[in-house]
N, C-alpha and C. Protein backbone atom coordinates (compact mmCIF):
# COMPACT_ATOMS: atom_id res chain seq x y z
N UNK A 1 89.39 -5.65 213.29
CA UNK A 1 88.39 -5.89 212.24
C UNK A 1 89.05 -6.53 211.03
N UNK A 2 88.30 -7.38 210.36
CA UNK A 2 88.80 -8.01 209.14
C UNK A 2 88.73 -7.03 207.99
N UNK A 3 89.48 -7.33 206.95
CA UNK A 3 89.47 -6.45 205.77
C UNK A 3 88.10 -6.44 205.11
N UNK A 4 87.43 -7.60 205.09
CA UNK A 4 86.12 -7.69 204.43
C UNK A 4 85.10 -6.80 205.12
N UNK A 5 85.07 -6.81 206.46
CA UNK A 5 84.10 -5.99 207.18
C UNK A 5 84.41 -4.51 206.97
N UNK A 6 85.70 -4.17 206.89
CA UNK A 6 86.07 -2.77 206.62
C UNK A 6 85.55 -2.35 205.26
N UNK A 7 85.68 -3.22 204.25
CA UNK A 7 85.19 -2.90 202.91
C UNK A 7 83.67 -2.69 202.93
N UNK A 8 82.96 -3.56 203.66
CA UNK A 8 81.50 -3.44 203.74
C UNK A 8 81.14 -2.11 204.37
N UNK A 9 81.81 -1.75 205.46
CA UNK A 9 81.51 -0.49 206.13
C UNK A 9 81.81 0.70 205.22
N UNK A 10 82.90 0.63 204.48
CA UNK A 10 83.24 1.71 203.55
C UNK A 10 82.17 1.83 202.46
N UNK A 11 81.71 0.71 201.94
CA UNK A 11 80.68 0.72 200.90
C UNK A 11 79.40 1.34 201.44
N UNK A 12 78.99 0.96 202.66
CA UNK A 12 77.77 1.52 203.26
C UNK A 12 77.95 3.02 203.45
N UNK A 13 79.13 3.43 203.93
CA UNK A 13 79.40 4.85 204.18
C UNK A 13 79.32 5.64 202.88
N UNK A 14 79.94 5.13 201.81
CA UNK A 14 79.92 5.83 200.52
C UNK A 14 78.50 5.91 199.97
N UNK A 15 77.73 4.82 200.12
CA UNK A 15 76.35 4.82 199.64
C UNK A 15 75.53 5.87 200.38
N UNK A 16 75.69 5.94 201.70
CA UNK A 16 74.92 6.91 202.47
C UNK A 16 75.31 8.33 202.07
N UNK A 17 76.58 8.56 201.81
CA UNK A 17 77.02 9.90 201.36
C UNK A 17 76.37 10.24 200.02
N UNK A 18 76.32 9.28 199.11
CA UNK A 18 75.72 9.51 197.80
C UNK A 18 74.23 9.84 197.96
N UNK A 19 73.55 9.11 198.84
CA UNK A 19 72.11 9.34 199.05
C UNK A 19 71.90 10.75 199.59
N UNK A 20 72.75 11.18 200.53
CA UNK A 20 72.62 12.53 201.09
C UNK A 20 72.83 13.57 200.00
N UNK A 21 73.85 13.36 199.16
CA UNK A 21 74.13 14.32 198.07
C UNK A 21 72.95 14.41 197.11
N UNK A 22 72.39 13.25 196.75
CA UNK A 22 71.25 13.22 195.82
C UNK A 22 70.08 13.98 196.45
N UNK A 23 69.86 13.77 197.75
CA UNK A 23 68.79 14.48 198.46
C UNK A 23 68.98 15.98 198.39
N UNK A 24 70.22 16.45 198.61
CA UNK A 24 70.51 17.88 198.55
C UNK A 24 70.23 18.43 197.16
N UNK A 25 70.63 17.69 196.13
CA UNK A 25 70.41 18.15 194.74
C UNK A 25 68.91 18.25 194.47
N UNK A 26 68.15 17.25 194.93
CA UNK A 26 66.69 17.26 194.71
C UNK A 26 66.08 18.49 195.38
N UNK A 27 66.53 18.79 196.61
CA UNK A 27 66.00 19.95 197.33
C UNK A 27 66.33 21.23 196.56
N UNK A 28 67.56 21.33 196.05
CA UNK A 28 67.95 22.52 195.29
C UNK A 28 67.11 22.66 194.03
N UNK A 29 66.86 21.56 193.33
CA UNK A 29 66.03 21.60 192.12
C UNK A 29 64.62 22.07 192.46
N UNK A 30 64.09 21.58 193.60
CA UNK A 30 62.75 21.98 194.02
C UNK A 30 62.71 23.48 194.28
N UNK A 31 63.76 24.02 194.93
CA UNK A 31 63.82 25.46 195.21
C UNK A 31 63.86 26.26 193.90
N UNK A 32 64.65 25.78 192.93
CA UNK A 32 64.75 26.47 191.64
C UNK A 32 63.38 26.48 190.96
N UNK A 33 62.66 25.34 191.00
CA UNK A 33 61.32 25.28 190.40
C UNK A 33 60.41 26.30 191.06
N UNK A 34 60.45 26.37 192.39
CA UNK A 34 59.59 27.32 193.10
C UNK A 34 59.91 28.75 192.68
N UNK A 35 61.19 29.07 192.56
CA UNK A 35 61.60 30.43 192.16
C UNK A 35 61.12 30.76 190.76
N UNK A 36 61.25 29.81 189.83
CA UNK A 36 60.82 30.08 188.46
C UNK A 36 59.31 30.27 188.41
N UNK A 37 58.57 29.51 189.20
CA UNK A 37 57.11 29.66 189.23
C UNK A 37 56.77 31.06 189.73
N UNK A 38 57.45 31.50 190.80
CA UNK A 38 57.19 32.84 191.36
C UNK A 38 57.50 33.89 190.30
N UNK A 39 58.63 33.75 189.61
CA UNK A 39 59.01 34.73 188.59
C UNK A 39 57.99 34.76 187.46
N UNK A 40 57.55 33.58 187.01
CA UNK A 40 56.55 33.51 185.94
C UNK A 40 55.27 34.21 186.37
N UNK A 41 54.85 33.98 187.61
CA UNK A 41 53.62 34.60 188.11
C UNK A 41 53.78 36.12 188.16
N UNK A 42 54.97 36.60 188.54
CA UNK A 42 55.21 38.04 188.60
C UNK A 42 55.12 38.63 187.19
N UNK A 43 55.74 37.95 186.22
CA UNK A 43 55.73 38.45 184.83
C UNK A 43 54.29 38.46 184.32
N UNK A 44 53.53 37.38 184.60
CA UNK A 44 52.13 37.32 184.18
C UNK A 44 51.36 38.46 184.82
N UNK A 45 51.63 38.70 186.09
CA UNK A 45 50.95 39.78 186.81
C UNK A 45 51.21 41.13 186.15
N UNK A 46 52.45 41.36 185.73
CA UNK A 46 52.79 42.63 185.07
C UNK A 46 52.02 42.76 183.76
N UNK A 47 51.95 41.68 182.99
CA UNK A 47 51.23 41.73 181.71
C UNK A 47 49.74 41.96 181.96
N UNK A 48 49.21 41.30 183.00
CA UNK A 48 47.79 41.48 183.32
C UNK A 48 47.51 42.94 183.68
N UNK A 49 48.43 43.55 184.45
CA UNK A 49 48.26 44.96 184.83
C UNK A 49 48.25 45.83 183.57
N UNK A 50 49.14 45.56 182.64
CA UNK A 50 49.20 46.34 181.40
C UNK A 50 47.90 46.21 180.63
N UNK A 51 47.36 44.99 180.54
CA UNK A 51 46.11 44.75 179.79
C UNK A 51 44.98 45.55 180.44
N UNK A 52 44.89 45.49 181.78
CA UNK A 52 43.78 46.19 182.43
C UNK A 52 43.92 47.70 182.23
N UNK A 53 45.14 48.21 182.25
CA UNK A 53 45.35 49.64 182.04
C UNK A 53 44.93 50.01 180.62
N UNK A 54 45.27 49.19 179.62
CA UNK A 54 44.91 49.47 178.22
C UNK A 54 43.40 49.47 178.04
N UNK A 55 42.70 48.56 178.73
CA UNK A 55 41.25 48.48 178.60
C UNK A 55 40.60 49.77 179.09
N UNK A 56 41.10 50.29 180.17
CA UNK A 56 40.54 51.53 180.75
C UNK A 56 41.01 52.69 179.88
């Protein structure tokens, strides 16, 4: 193989690795968002329970 084709293959390989890493980070961010939404809903639920108890 020529040096130029090796460089092209290396560039493509590095780009694909970067795309995979970015994908993993996006998935992790999505999971964190889901967790925070669940936690917020739980906290809201606790406050709602307290309000209903106070009303009674």
